[in-house]
Amino acid sequence: MNFRRIFVFYRIPIAIGLMALGFLIGFKVSHGWWIAWIPFLVSILMIVAYFLVGPMTLIQGYMESGDMEGAQKLLGLVKFPNLLYKPIRSSYYMLQSNFSTMGNDYEKAEEQIRKGLETGTEKEYEGTAYLQLGAIAQKKGNTKEAYEHLRKAVKIGLPDKDNEATAYLQLSSICIQRRDFRNAKIYFNKAKSCKPTNAQVVEQLKEMAKYIARIPG
């Protein structure tokens, strides 16, 4: 892992060193240009990887270890996000939006999610992006926009039952605010049928159940 981190963090200096080695071999070794193409090729590939991939290959390790600060610093090392390979660029913006949401910077989070969607988010993450947009709109008090985003999220599809249950619970909550009790119950039952396992979602489901039980009809 340490070697991999050094390799990722110092791609450009290593690439320059390999390029210099190639020239050294070419000029100093008899018929050296036949060998020099190897360090040249490796250095070019490393430079391409620096711009197309960046340090994003290390992000999963930080996230799995719970080092959110380290993950955020790693994202900060990406200097040219628009040059990242499309799926990686989309992941970059989605992760940035998560950190912005954690910092209650909803405007920036929304902007980053939309950039991720414009990039061409993979379908399995597109629903999650709209779920996040819905949650942000709800926190900003824009229930109409939140409702539209959440409905789009469940229509596109979400990666797991916990996220699906979360979307339906938020839709149910919006319907309650609108006094649309019929649809509130429908969405609540859909959330319940998801059988979520996440402790936080399960607790939200229990709290919503108490409220739904008091609704007449």
N, C-alpha and C. Protein backbone atom coordinates (compact mmCIF):
# COMPACT_ATOMS: atom_id res chain seq x y z
N MET A 1 0.84 -1.20 0.00
CA MET A 1 0.00 0.00 0.00
C MET A 1 0.88 1.25 0.00
N ASN A 2 1.95 1.26 0.81
CA ASN A 2 2.85 2.42 0.87
C ASN A 2 3.52 2.66 -0.48
N PHE A 3 3.95 1.55 -1.14
CA PHE A 3 4.57 1.67 -2.46
C PHE A 3 3.56 2.22 -3.45
N ARG A 4 2.31 1.74 -3.35
CA ARG A 4 1.26 2.20 -4.26
C ARG A 4 0.97 3.69 -4.06
N ARG A 5 0.94 4.12 -2.81
CA ARG A 5 0.69 5.53 -2.51
C ARG A 5 1.82 6.40 -3.05
N ILE A 6 3.06 5.96 -2.86
CA ILE A 6 4.21 6.72 -3.38
C ILE A 6 4.12 6.80 -4.90
N PHE A 7 3.77 5.68 -5.52
CA PHE A 7 3.66 5.60 -6.98
C PHE A 7 2.59 6.57 -7.50
N VAL A 8 1.45 6.63 -6.79
CA VAL A 8 0.34 7.51 -7.21
C VAL A 8 0.65 8.97 -6.94
N PHE A 9 1.17 9.27 -5.73
CA PHE A 9 1.43 10.65 -5.34
C PHE A 9 2.56 11.30 -6.13
N TYR A 10 3.52 10.49 -6.56
CA TYR A 10 4.71 11.05 -7.22
C TYR A 10 4.83 10.60 -8.68
N ARG A 11 3.70 10.47 -9.34
CA ARG A 11 3.70 10.04 -10.74
C ARG A 11 4.54 10.97 -11.63
N ILE A 12 4.34 12.27 -11.48
CA ILE A 12 5.02 13.23 -12.37
C ILE A 12 6.53 13.23 -12.15
N PRO A 13 7.04 13.33 -10.88
CA PRO A 13 8.49 13.25 -10.69
C PRO A 13 9.09 11.94 -11.19
N ILE A 14 8.36 10.83 -10.95
CA ILE A 14 8.85 9.53 -11.43
C ILE A 14 8.88 9.52 -12.95
N ALA A 15 7.84 10.07 -13.58
CA ALA A 15 7.77 10.11 -15.04
C ALA A 15 8.92 10.94 -15.61
N ILE A 16 9.21 12.06 -14.97
CA ILE A 16 10.33 12.92 -15.42
C ILE A 16 11.65 12.17 -15.29
N GLY A 17 11.78 11.44 -14.16
CA GLY A 17 12.99 10.64 -13.94
C GLY A 17 13.16 9.56 -15.00
N LEU A 18 12.05 8.91 -15.36
CA LEU A 18 12.09 7.87 -16.38
C LEU A 18 12.42 8.46 -17.75
N MET A 19 11.88 9.64 -18.02
CA MET A 19 12.17 10.32 -19.28
C MET A 19 13.66 10.65 -19.37
N ALA A 20 14.21 11.13 -18.26
CA ALA A 20 15.65 11.46 -18.21
C ALA A 20 16.49 10.19 -18.40
N LEU A 21 16.01 9.10 -17.78
CA LEU A 21 16.72 7.82 -17.93
C LEU A 21 16.71 7.37 -19.39
N GLY A 22 15.56 7.58 -20.05
CA GLY A 22 15.46 7.21 -21.47
C GLY A 22 16.47 7.97 -22.32
N PHE A 23 16.57 9.27 -22.09
CA PHE A 23 17.54 10.07 -22.85
C PHE A 23 18.97 9.65 -22.54
N LEU A 24 19.22 9.35 -21.26
CA LEU A 24 20.56 8.93 -20.85
C LEU A 24 20.95 7.65 -21.56
N ILE A 25 20.01 6.69 -21.59
CA ILE A 25 20.29 5.42 -22.28
C ILE A 25 20.49 5.65 -23.77
N GLY A 26 19.64 6.51 -24.34
CA GLY A 26 19.71 6.77 -25.78
C GLY A 26 21.03 7.39 -26.20
N PHE A 27 21.54 8.32 -25.39
CA PHE A 27 22.77 9.01 -25.77
C PHE A 27 24.04 8.30 -25.32
N LYS A 28 23.97 7.56 -24.22
CA LYS A 28 25.17 6.99 -23.63
C LYS A 28 25.43 5.53 -23.99
N VAL A 29 24.34 4.80 -24.30
CA VAL A 29 24.49 3.36 -24.56
C VAL A 29 24.47 3.12 -26.07
N SER A 30 25.34 2.24 -26.51
CA SER A 30 25.38 1.89 -27.93
C SER A 30 24.05 1.26 -28.34
N HIS A 31 23.46 1.80 -29.39
CA HIS A 31 22.12 1.37 -29.84
C HIS A 31 21.08 1.49 -28.71
N GLY A 32 21.32 2.48 -27.85
CA GLY A 32 20.45 2.63 -26.66
C GLY A 32 19.03 3.06 -26.96
N TRP A 33 18.81 3.68 -28.14
CA TRP A 33 17.46 4.14 -28.46
C TRP A 33 16.48 2.98 -28.62
N TRP A 34 17.03 1.79 -28.90
CA TRP A 34 16.17 0.60 -29.02
C TRP A 34 15.64 0.19 -27.64
N ILE A 35 16.34 0.61 -26.60
CA ILE A 35 15.91 0.28 -25.23
C ILE A 35 15.20 1.48 -24.59
N ALA A 36 15.59 2.67 -25.00
CA ALA A 36 15.08 3.89 -24.38
C ALA A 36 13.57 4.05 -24.51
N TRP A 37 12.96 3.41 -25.52
CA TRP A 37 11.51 3.57 -25.71
C TRP A 37 10.72 3.03 -24.53
N ILE A 38 11.33 2.09 -23.76
CA ILE A 38 10.61 1.48 -22.62
C ILE A 38 10.37 2.52 -21.52
N PRO A 39 11.41 3.19 -20.99
CA PRO A 39 11.13 4.23 -19.99
C PRO A 39 10.31 5.39 -20.54
N PHE A 40 10.48 5.69 -21.85
CA PHE A 40 9.67 6.75 -22.46
C PHE A 40 8.18 6.38 -22.40
N LEU A 41 7.88 5.14 -22.79
CA LEU A 41 6.49 4.68 -22.82
C LEU A 41 5.89 4.69 -21.42
N VAL A 42 6.65 4.17 -20.45
CA VAL A 42 6.14 4.12 -19.07
C VAL A 42 5.89 5.53 -18.53
N SER A 43 6.80 6.45 -18.83
CA SER A 43 6.64 7.83 -18.34
C SER A 43 5.41 8.49 -18.96
N ILE A 44 5.17 8.24 -20.26
CA ILE A 44 3.99 8.80 -20.93
C ILE A 44 2.71 8.24 -20.31
N LEU A 45 2.70 6.92 -20.05
CA LEU A 45 1.52 6.29 -19.43
C LEU A 45 1.26 6.86 -18.04
N MET A 46 2.33 7.15 -17.30
CA MET A 46 2.18 7.71 -15.96
C MET A 46 1.62 9.12 -16.00
N ILE A 47 2.05 9.91 -16.98
CA ILE A 47 1.54 11.28 -17.13
C ILE A 47 0.06 11.25 -17.51
N VAL A 48 -0.28 10.34 -18.42
CA VAL A 48 -1.69 10.18 -18.82
C VAL A 48 -2.54 9.78 -17.62
N ALA A 49 -2.03 8.84 -16.82
CA ALA A 49 -2.75 8.39 -15.62
C ALA A 49 -2.93 9.51 -14.61
N TYR A 50 -1.93 10.39 -14.53
CA TYR A 50 -2.01 11.52 -13.59
C TYR A 50 -3.22 12.40 -13.90
N PHE A 51 -3.47 12.62 -15.19
CA PHE A 51 -4.58 13.49 -15.59
C PHE A 51 -5.91 12.75 -15.69
N LEU A 52 -5.90 11.51 -16.15
CA LEU A 52 -7.15 10.78 -16.37
C LEU A 52 -7.67 10.07 -15.12
N VAL A 53 -6.77 9.70 -14.20
CA VAL A 53 -7.16 8.93 -13.01
C VAL A 53 -6.89 9.70 -11.73
N GLY A 54 -5.77 10.44 -11.70
CA GLY A 54 -5.41 11.17 -10.50
C GLY A 54 -5.16 10.23 -9.33
N PRO A 55 -5.41 10.67 -8.11
CA PRO A 55 -5.20 9.81 -6.93
C PRO A 55 -6.46 9.02 -6.53
N MET A 56 -7.46 8.98 -7.43
CA MET A 56 -8.76 8.40 -7.09
C MET A 56 -8.71 6.90 -6.82
N THR A 57 -7.66 6.23 -7.29
CA THR A 57 -7.56 4.78 -7.05
C THR A 57 -7.32 4.47 -5.57
N LEU A 58 -6.90 5.48 -4.80
CA LEU A 58 -6.62 5.27 -3.37
C LEU A 58 -7.81 5.61 -2.48
N ILE A 59 -8.85 6.22 -3.06
CA ILE A 59 -9.93 6.78 -2.25
C ILE A 59 -10.69 5.72 -1.46
N GLN A 60 -10.86 4.53 -2.06
CA GLN A 60 -11.63 3.48 -1.40
C GLN A 60 -10.99 3.05 -0.08
N GLY A 61 -9.67 2.98 -0.06
CA GLY A 61 -8.96 2.60 1.16
C GLY A 61 -9.22 3.58 2.29
N TYR A 62 -9.22 4.87 1.98
CA TYR A 62 -9.49 5.90 2.98
C TYR A 62 -10.92 5.79 3.50
N MET A 63 -11.86 5.58 2.57
CA MET A 63 -13.27 5.50 2.95
C MET A 63 -13.54 4.28 3.83
N GLU A 64 -12.95 3.14 3.46
CA GLU A 64 -13.16 1.91 4.22
C GLU A 64 -12.56 1.98 5.62
N SER A 65 -11.47 2.73 5.76
CA SER A 65 -10.83 2.87 7.08
C SER A 65 -11.48 3.98 7.91
N GLY A 66 -12.42 4.70 7.31
CA GLY A 66 -13.11 5.76 8.03
C GLY A 66 -12.32 7.06 8.12
N ASP A 67 -11.27 7.16 7.32
CA ASP A 67 -10.44 8.37 7.34
C ASP A 67 -11.04 9.40 6.38
N MET A 68 -12.11 10.06 6.82
CA MET A 68 -12.80 11.02 5.96
C MET A 68 -11.93 12.25 5.66
N GLU A 69 -11.15 12.65 6.66
CA GLU A 69 -10.27 13.81 6.47
C GLU A 69 -9.21 13.51 5.42
N GLY A 70 -8.65 12.30 5.49
CA GLY A 70 -7.65 11.88 4.51
C GLY A 70 -8.25 11.79 3.12
N ALA A 71 -9.50 11.28 3.04
CA ALA A 71 -10.18 11.16 1.75
C ALA A 71 -10.44 12.54 1.15
N GLN A 72 -10.82 13.49 2.00
CA GLN A 72 -11.09 14.84 1.53
C GLN A 72 -9.81 15.52 1.02
N LYS A 73 -8.71 15.29 1.74
CA LYS A 73 -7.43 15.85 1.30
C LYS A 73 -7.01 15.23 -0.02
N LEU A 74 -7.30 13.95 -0.18
CA LEU A 74 -6.96 13.25 -1.42
C LEU A 74 -7.72 13.85 -2.60
N LEU A 75 -8.99 14.14 -2.39
CA LEU A 75 -9.79 14.78 -3.45
C LEU A 75 -9.23 16.16 -3.79
N GLY A 76 -8.67 16.83 -2.79
CA GLY A 76 -8.10 18.16 -3.00
C GLY A 76 -6.86 18.14 -3.88
N LEU A 77 -6.26 16.96 -4.04
CA LEU A 77 -5.07 16.83 -4.88
C LEU A 77 -5.41 16.82 -6.37
N VAL A 78 -6.69 16.63 -6.67
CA VAL A 78 -7.11 16.63 -8.08
C VAL A 78 -7.17 18.08 -8.56
N LYS A 79 -6.25 18.46 -9.39
CA LYS A 79 -6.14 19.85 -9.85
C LYS A 79 -6.94 20.12 -11.13
N PHE A 80 -7.16 19.06 -11.92
CA PHE A 80 -7.87 19.24 -13.19
C PHE A 80 -9.00 18.20 -13.29
N PRO A 81 -10.07 18.37 -12.51
CA PRO A 81 -11.15 17.37 -12.50
C PRO A 81 -11.81 17.16 -13.85
N ASN A 82 -11.84 18.20 -14.70
CA ASN A 82 -12.48 18.06 -16.01
C ASN A 82 -11.70 17.14 -16.95
N LEU A 83 -10.45 16.84 -16.61
CA LEU A 83 -9.64 15.94 -17.43
C LEU A 83 -9.74 14.49 -16.98
N LEU A 84 -10.37 14.25 -15.83
CA LEU A 84 -10.52 12.89 -15.34
C LEU A 84 -11.38 12.07 -16.30
N TYR A 85 -11.08 10.78 -16.36
CA TYR A 85 -11.89 9.85 -17.15
C TYR A 85 -13.33 9.91 -16.64
N LYS A 86 -14.31 9.89 -17.53
CA LYS A 86 -15.71 10.21 -17.18
C LYS A 86 -16.25 9.49 -15.94
N PRO A 87 -16.18 8.15 -15.84
CA PRO A 87 -16.71 7.50 -14.63
C PRO A 87 -16.00 7.94 -13.35
N ILE A 88 -14.69 8.18 -13.46
CA ILE A 88 -13.92 8.63 -12.30
C ILE A 88 -14.29 10.07 -11.96
N ARG A 89 -14.50 10.90 -12.99
CA ARG A 89 -14.90 12.29 -12.77
C ARG A 89 -16.25 12.36 -12.06
N SER A 90 -17.16 11.47 -12.46
CA SER A 90 -18.48 11.42 -11.83
C SER A 90 -18.36 11.05 -10.36
N SER A 91 -17.53 10.05 -10.06
CA SER A 91 -17.31 9.63 -8.67
C SER A 91 -16.68 10.76 -7.86
N TYR A 92 -15.76 11.49 -8.50
CA TYR A 92 -15.11 12.62 -7.84
C TYR A 92 -16.13 13.66 -7.40
N TYR A 93 -17.02 14.04 -8.31
CA TYR A 93 -18.02 15.06 -7.97
C TYR A 93 -19.01 14.55 -6.92
N MET A 94 -19.37 13.27 -6.99
CA MET A 94 -20.32 12.72 -6.02
C MET A 94 -19.71 12.70 -4.62
N LEU A 95 -18.43 12.34 -4.54
CA LEU A 95 -17.75 12.34 -3.24
C LEU A 95 -17.61 13.77 -2.71
N GLN A 96 -17.28 14.70 -3.59
CA GLN A 96 -17.17 16.10 -3.19
C GLN A 96 -18.50 16.60 -2.65
N SER A 97 -19.58 16.20 -3.30
CA SER A 97 -20.91 16.63 -2.85
C SER A 97 -21.24 16.06 -1.48
N ASN A 98 -20.80 14.83 -1.21
CA ASN A 98 -21.03 14.23 0.12
C ASN A 98 -20.34 15.05 1.20
N PHE A 99 -19.10 15.46 0.94
CA PHE A 99 -18.36 16.24 1.94
C PHE A 99 -18.98 17.64 2.10
N SER A 100 -19.46 18.20 1.00
CA SER A 100 -20.11 19.52 1.09
C SER A 100 -21.40 19.42 1.90
N THR A 101 -22.14 18.32 1.71
CA THR A 101 -23.37 18.10 2.48
C THR A 101 -23.07 17.95 3.96
N MET A 102 -22.00 17.21 4.25
CA MET A 102 -21.58 17.02 5.65
C MET A 102 -21.22 18.36 6.29
N GLY A 103 -20.71 19.29 5.49
CA GLY A 103 -20.36 20.62 5.99
C GLY A 103 -21.50 21.61 5.88
N ASN A 104 -22.71 21.11 5.56
CA ASN A 104 -23.92 21.93 5.43
C ASN A 104 -23.81 23.01 4.34
N ASP A 105 -22.94 22.78 3.37
CA ASP A 105 -22.83 23.69 2.24
C ASP A 105 -23.68 23.10 1.11
N TYR A 106 -25.00 23.28 1.22
CA TYR A 106 -25.93 22.62 0.31
C TYR A 106 -25.85 23.16 -1.12
N GLU A 107 -25.57 24.45 -1.25
CA GLU A 107 -25.46 25.04 -2.59
C GLU A 107 -24.32 24.39 -3.37
N LYS A 108 -23.19 24.25 -2.69
CA LYS A 108 -22.02 23.66 -3.34
C LYS A 108 -22.26 22.17 -3.62
N ALA A 109 -22.91 21.49 -2.66
CA ALA A 109 -23.20 20.06 -2.83
C ALA A 109 -24.09 19.85 -4.05
N GLU A 110 -25.11 20.69 -4.18
CA GLU A 110 -26.04 20.58 -5.32
C GLU A 110 -25.30 20.82 -6.64
N GLU A 111 -24.44 21.82 -6.65
CA GLU A 111 -23.66 22.14 -7.85
C GLU A 111 -22.78 20.95 -8.26
N GLN A 112 -22.16 20.31 -7.28
CA GLN A 112 -21.26 19.19 -7.55
C GLN A 112 -22.03 17.96 -8.04
N ILE A 113 -23.21 17.72 -7.47
CA ILE A 113 -24.03 16.58 -7.92
C ILE A 113 -24.43 16.79 -9.37
N ARG A 114 -24.84 18.02 -9.70
CA ARG A 114 -25.27 18.31 -11.08
C ARG A 114 -24.10 18.16 -12.05
N LYS A 115 -22.91 18.53 -11.63
CA LYS A 115 -21.73 18.33 -12.47
C LYS A 115 -21.50 16.84 -12.71
N GLY A 116 -21.70 16.04 -11.64
CA GLY A 116 -21.56 14.60 -11.77
C GLY A 116 -22.57 14.02 -12.75
N LEU A 117 -23.81 14.50 -12.70
CA LEU A 117 -24.86 14.04 -13.61
C LEU A 117 -24.56 14.46 -15.04
N GLU A 118 -24.05 15.68 -15.22
CA GLU A 118 -23.69 16.17 -16.55
C GLU A 118 -22.56 15.35 -17.16
N THR A 119 -21.69 14.85 -16.29
CA THR A 119 -20.56 14.04 -16.75
C THR A 119 -21.05 12.73 -17.35
N GLY A 120 -22.18 12.25 -16.85
CA GLY A 120 -22.71 10.97 -17.31
C GLY A 120 -22.53 9.90 -16.25
N THR A 121 -23.21 10.11 -15.10
CA THR A 121 -23.13 9.16 -14.00
C THR A 121 -23.65 7.80 -14.43
N GLU A 122 -22.98 6.73 -13.98
CA GLU A 122 -23.45 5.38 -14.27
C GLU A 122 -24.86 5.22 -13.71
N LYS A 123 -25.70 4.45 -14.40
CA LYS A 123 -27.13 4.36 -14.05
C LYS A 123 -27.35 3.95 -12.61
N GLU A 124 -26.52 3.05 -12.09
CA GLU A 124 -26.71 2.58 -10.72
C GLU A 124 -26.48 3.69 -9.69
N TYR A 125 -25.74 4.74 -10.09
CA TYR A 125 -25.51 5.86 -9.17
C TYR A 125 -26.38 7.08 -9.49
N GLU A 126 -27.03 7.05 -10.66
CA GLU A 126 -27.86 8.19 -11.06
C GLU A 126 -29.03 8.37 -10.09
N GLY A 127 -29.65 7.23 -9.70
CA GLY A 127 -30.75 7.30 -8.75
C GLY A 127 -30.30 7.88 -7.42
N THR A 128 -29.11 7.48 -6.96
CA THR A 128 -28.56 8.00 -5.71
C THR A 128 -28.32 9.50 -5.80
N ALA A 129 -27.88 9.97 -6.98
CA ALA A 129 -27.65 11.40 -7.18
C ALA A 129 -28.95 12.18 -7.01
N TYR A 130 -30.03 11.66 -7.59
CA TYR A 130 -31.33 12.34 -7.46
C TYR A 130 -31.88 12.23 -6.03
N LEU A 131 -31.55 11.14 -5.36
CA LEU A 131 -31.93 11.01 -3.95
C LEU A 131 -31.25 12.10 -3.12
N GLN A 132 -29.97 12.33 -3.39
CA GLN A 132 -29.22 13.38 -2.68
C GLN A 132 -29.77 14.77 -3.01
N LEU A 133 -30.11 14.99 -4.29
CA LEU A 133 -30.68 16.27 -4.68
C LEU A 133 -32.02 16.50 -3.98
N GLY A 134 -32.80 15.43 -3.85
CA GLY A 134 -34.07 15.52 -3.15
C GLY A 134 -33.89 15.87 -1.69
N ALA A 135 -32.93 15.22 -1.04
CA ALA A 135 -32.65 15.49 0.38
C ALA A 135 -32.18 16.93 0.58
N ILE A 136 -31.35 17.41 -0.34
CA ILE A 136 -30.84 18.79 -0.25
C ILE A 136 -32.00 19.79 -0.43
N ALA A 137 -32.84 19.54 -1.45
CA ALA A 137 -33.97 20.44 -1.70
C ALA A 137 -34.91 20.47 -0.50
N GLN A 138 -35.08 19.31 0.15
CA GLN A 138 -35.95 19.24 1.33
C GLN A 138 -35.37 20.05 2.48
N LYS A 139 -34.05 19.97 2.66
CA LYS A 139 -33.39 20.72 3.72
C LYS A 139 -33.46 22.23 3.46
N LYS A 140 -33.49 22.59 2.17
CA LYS A 140 -33.59 24.00 1.80
C LYS A 140 -35.03 24.50 1.83
N GLY A 141 -35.98 23.58 2.11
CA GLY A 141 -37.38 23.96 2.21
C GLY A 141 -38.13 23.96 0.89
N ASN A 142 -37.48 23.47 -0.17
CA ASN A 142 -38.12 23.41 -1.48
C ASN A 142 -38.74 22.03 -1.67
N THR A 143 -39.94 21.83 -1.11
CA THR A 143 -40.56 20.50 -1.11
C THR A 143 -41.00 20.06 -2.51
N LYS A 144 -41.40 21.02 -3.35
CA LYS A 144 -41.82 20.67 -4.71
C LYS A 144 -40.67 20.05 -5.49
N GLU A 145 -39.51 20.70 -5.44
CA GLU A 145 -38.33 20.19 -6.13
C GLU A 145 -37.86 18.88 -5.50
N ALA A 146 -37.92 18.81 -4.17
CA ALA A 146 -37.53 17.58 -3.47
C ALA A 146 -38.40 16.41 -3.92
N TYR A 147 -39.69 16.63 -4.01
CA TYR A 147 -40.64 15.59 -4.42
C TYR A 147 -40.32 15.08 -5.82
N GLU A 148 -40.04 16.01 -6.73
CA GLU A 148 -39.72 15.62 -8.11
C GLU A 148 -38.44 14.81 -8.18
N HIS A 149 -37.41 15.24 -7.45
CA HIS A 149 -36.13 14.52 -7.46
C HIS A 149 -36.27 13.12 -6.85
N LEU A 150 -37.03 13.02 -5.76
CA LEU A 150 -37.19 11.73 -5.09
C LEU A 150 -37.98 10.75 -5.94
N ARG A 151 -39.01 11.25 -6.61
CA ARG A 151 -39.78 10.38 -7.51
C ARG A 151 -38.90 9.90 -8.67
N LYS A 152 -38.04 10.78 -9.15
CA LYS A 152 -37.13 10.40 -10.23
C LYS A 152 -36.12 9.36 -9.74
N ALA A 153 -35.68 9.51 -8.50
CA ALA A 153 -34.70 8.57 -7.92
C ALA A 153 -35.26 7.15 -7.88
N VAL A 154 -36.52 7.01 -7.39
CA VAL A 154 -37.10 5.66 -7.29
C VAL A 154 -37.47 5.11 -8.67
N LYS A 155 -37.78 6.01 -9.61
CA LYS A 155 -38.10 5.58 -10.97
C LYS A 155 -36.86 5.03 -11.67
N ILE A 156 -35.74 5.73 -11.52
CA ILE A 156 -34.48 5.29 -12.14
C ILE A 156 -33.98 4.02 -11.46
N GLY A 157 -34.13 3.98 -10.13
CA GLY A 157 -33.66 2.83 -9.36
C GLY A 157 -32.53 3.20 -8.43
N LEU A 158 -32.51 2.58 -7.27
CA LEU A 158 -31.49 2.85 -6.26
C LEU A 158 -30.69 1.59 -5.99
N PRO A 159 -29.44 1.74 -5.53
CA PRO A 159 -28.55 0.58 -5.43
C PRO A 159 -28.90 -0.46 -4.37
N ASP A 160 -29.67 -0.06 -3.34
CA ASP A 160 -30.03 -1.03 -2.31
C ASP A 160 -31.35 -0.65 -1.64
N LYS A 161 -31.87 -1.56 -0.83
CA LYS A 161 -33.18 -1.37 -0.20
C LYS A 161 -33.17 -0.27 0.86
N ASP A 162 -32.03 -0.03 1.49
CA ASP A 162 -31.94 1.04 2.49
C ASP A 162 -32.15 2.40 1.84
N ASN A 163 -31.48 2.62 0.68
CA ASN A 163 -31.65 3.88 -0.05
C ASN A 163 -33.08 4.01 -0.59
N GLU A 164 -33.62 2.90 -1.05
CA GLU A 164 -34.98 2.92 -1.58
C GLU A 164 -35.98 3.27 -0.48
N ALA A 165 -35.81 2.67 0.69
CA ALA A 165 -36.68 2.96 1.83
C ALA A 165 -36.56 4.42 2.25
N THR A 166 -35.34 4.95 2.22
CA THR A 166 -35.10 6.36 2.56
C THR A 166 -35.87 7.28 1.62
N ALA A 167 -35.82 6.98 0.33
CA ALA A 167 -36.54 7.80 -0.66
C ALA A 167 -38.04 7.78 -0.40
N TYR A 168 -38.58 6.59 -0.16
CA TYR A 168 -40.02 6.47 0.08
C TYR A 168 -40.44 7.16 1.38
N LEU A 169 -39.60 7.09 2.40
CA LEU A 169 -39.91 7.77 3.66
C LEU A 169 -39.94 9.28 3.48
N GLN A 170 -38.99 9.80 2.68
CA GLN A 170 -38.96 11.24 2.43
C GLN A 170 -40.17 11.67 1.60
N LEU A 171 -40.57 10.83 0.64
CA LEU A 171 -41.77 11.12 -0.14
C LEU A 171 -43.01 11.12 0.75
N SER A 172 -43.07 10.15 1.66
CA SER A 172 -44.19 10.07 2.60
C SER A 172 -44.24 11.31 3.48
N SER A 173 -43.08 11.76 3.94
CA SER A 173 -43.00 12.95 4.78
C SER A 173 -43.50 14.19 4.05
N ILE A 174 -43.12 14.32 2.77
CA ILE A 174 -43.57 15.47 1.98
C ILE A 174 -45.09 15.42 1.79
N CYS A 175 -45.63 14.23 1.54
CA CYS A 175 -47.08 14.09 1.37
C CYS A 175 -47.83 14.45 2.67
N ILE A 176 -47.24 14.13 3.80
CA ILE A 176 -47.86 14.49 5.09
C ILE A 176 -47.90 16.01 5.22
N GLN A 177 -46.79 16.66 4.84
CA GLN A 177 -46.76 18.13 4.89
C GLN A 177 -47.84 18.74 4.00
N ARG A 178 -48.12 18.07 2.89
CA ARG A 178 -49.14 18.55 1.96
C ARG A 178 -50.55 18.11 2.37
N ARG A 179 -50.61 17.32 3.41
CA ARG A 179 -51.87 16.73 3.88
C ARG A 179 -52.47 15.78 2.84
N ASP A 180 -51.58 15.21 2.06
CA ASP A 180 -51.96 14.18 1.10
C ASP A 180 -51.76 12.83 1.79
N PHE A 181 -52.67 12.52 2.72
CA PHE A 181 -52.49 11.36 3.59
C PHE A 181 -52.58 10.02 2.84
N ARG A 182 -53.34 10.00 1.77
CA ARG A 182 -53.48 8.76 0.99
C ARG A 182 -52.12 8.34 0.43
N ASN A 183 -51.45 9.28 -0.27
CA ASN A 183 -50.14 8.95 -0.85
C ASN A 183 -49.07 8.80 0.24
N ALA A 184 -49.24 9.50 1.35
CA ALA A 184 -48.30 9.35 2.48
C ALA A 184 -48.28 7.90 2.94
N LYS A 185 -49.47 7.30 3.05
CA LYS A 185 -49.57 5.90 3.48
C LYS A 185 -49.01 4.96 2.42
N ILE A 186 -49.27 5.27 1.16
CA ILE A 186 -48.76 4.43 0.07
C ILE A 186 -47.23 4.40 0.08
N TYR A 187 -46.63 5.58 0.19
CA TYR A 187 -45.17 5.64 0.21
C TYR A 187 -44.60 5.00 1.47
N PHE A 188 -45.29 5.18 2.60
CA PHE A 188 -44.82 4.55 3.83
C PHE A 188 -44.82 3.03 3.70
N ASN A 189 -45.89 2.48 3.14
CA ASN A 189 -45.98 1.03 2.96
C ASN A 189 -44.90 0.51 2.01
N LYS A 190 -44.58 1.33 0.99
CA LYS A 190 -43.50 0.95 0.07
C LYS A 190 -42.15 0.94 0.80
N ALA A 191 -41.95 1.93 1.67
CA ALA A 191 -40.72 1.98 2.48
C ALA A 191 -40.63 0.76 3.39
N LYS A 192 -41.76 0.43 3.97
CA LYS A 192 -41.82 -0.72 4.89
C LYS A 192 -41.53 -2.03 4.15
N SER A 193 -42.06 -2.15 2.93
CA SER A 193 -41.87 -3.38 2.14
C SER A 193 -40.43 -3.57 1.70
N CYS A 194 -39.64 -2.49 1.74
CA CYS A 194 -38.21 -2.60 1.39
C CYS A 194 -37.43 -3.40 2.44
N LYS A 195 -37.98 -3.48 3.64
CA LYS A 195 -37.33 -4.18 4.76
C LYS A 195 -35.87 -3.72 4.95
N PRO A 196 -35.69 -2.43 5.22
CA PRO A 196 -34.32 -1.91 5.39
C PRO A 196 -33.61 -2.53 6.59
N THR A 197 -32.30 -2.57 6.53
CA THR A 197 -31.49 -3.13 7.62
C THR A 197 -30.64 -2.08 8.32
N ASN A 198 -30.44 -0.91 7.64
CA ASN A 198 -29.67 0.16 8.26
C ASN A 198 -30.38 0.66 9.51
N ALA A 199 -29.65 0.74 10.62
CA ALA A 199 -30.26 1.09 11.92
C ALA A 199 -30.95 2.44 11.88
N GLN A 200 -30.35 3.42 11.24
CA GLN A 200 -30.92 4.77 11.17
C GLN A 200 -32.24 4.76 10.38
N VAL A 201 -32.24 4.04 9.25
CA VAL A 201 -33.45 3.97 8.42
C VAL A 201 -34.55 3.21 9.15
N VAL A 202 -34.18 2.15 9.83
CA VAL A 202 -35.15 1.37 10.62
C VAL A 202 -35.78 2.24 11.69
N GLU A 203 -34.99 3.07 12.35
CA GLU A 203 -35.51 3.97 13.39
C GLU A 203 -36.45 5.01 12.78
N GLN A 204 -36.10 5.55 11.62
CA GLN A 204 -36.96 6.50 10.94
C GLN A 204 -38.30 5.86 10.56
N LEU A 205 -38.22 4.60 10.16
CA LEU A 205 -39.43 3.85 9.79
C LEU A 205 -40.35 3.68 11.01
N LYS A 206 -39.76 3.39 12.15
CA LYS A 206 -40.53 3.23 13.39
C LYS A 206 -41.20 4.54 13.79
N GLU A 207 -40.47 5.64 13.69
CA GLU A 207 -41.03 6.94 14.04
C GLU A 207 -42.16 7.33 13.09
N MET A 208 -41.96 7.05 11.80
CA MET A 208 -43.00 7.36 10.82
C MET A 208 -44.23 6.50 11.05
N ALA A 209 -44.03 5.26 11.46
CA ALA A 209 -45.15 4.34 11.72
C ALA A 209 -46.07 4.90 12.81
N LYS A 210 -45.49 5.51 13.82
CA LYS A 210 -46.28 6.10 14.91
C LYS A 210 -47.18 7.21 14.38
N TYR A 211 -46.63 8.01 13.46
CA TYR A 211 -47.39 9.12 12.91
C TYR A 211 -48.48 8.62 11.96
N ILE A 212 -48.11 7.66 11.11
CA ILE A 212 -49.06 7.10 10.13
C ILE A 212 -50.24 6.46 10.85
N ALA A 213 -49.98 5.82 12.00
CA ALA A 213 -51.05 5.15 12.76
C ALA A 213 -52.10 6.15 13.25
N ARG A 214 -51.73 7.41 13.39
CA ARG A 214 -52.65 8.43 13.90
C ARG A 214 -53.46 9.08 12.77
N ILE A 215 -53.10 8.78 11.51
CA ILE A 215 -53.81 9.38 10.38
C ILE A 215 -55.14 8.65 10.19
N PRO A 216 -56.25 9.34 10.13
CA PRO A 216 -57.55 8.67 9.97
C PRO A 216 -57.71 8.11 8.56
N GLY A 217 -58.57 7.12 8.45
CA GLY A 217 -58.90 6.55 7.15
C GLY A 217 -58.05 5.34 6.77
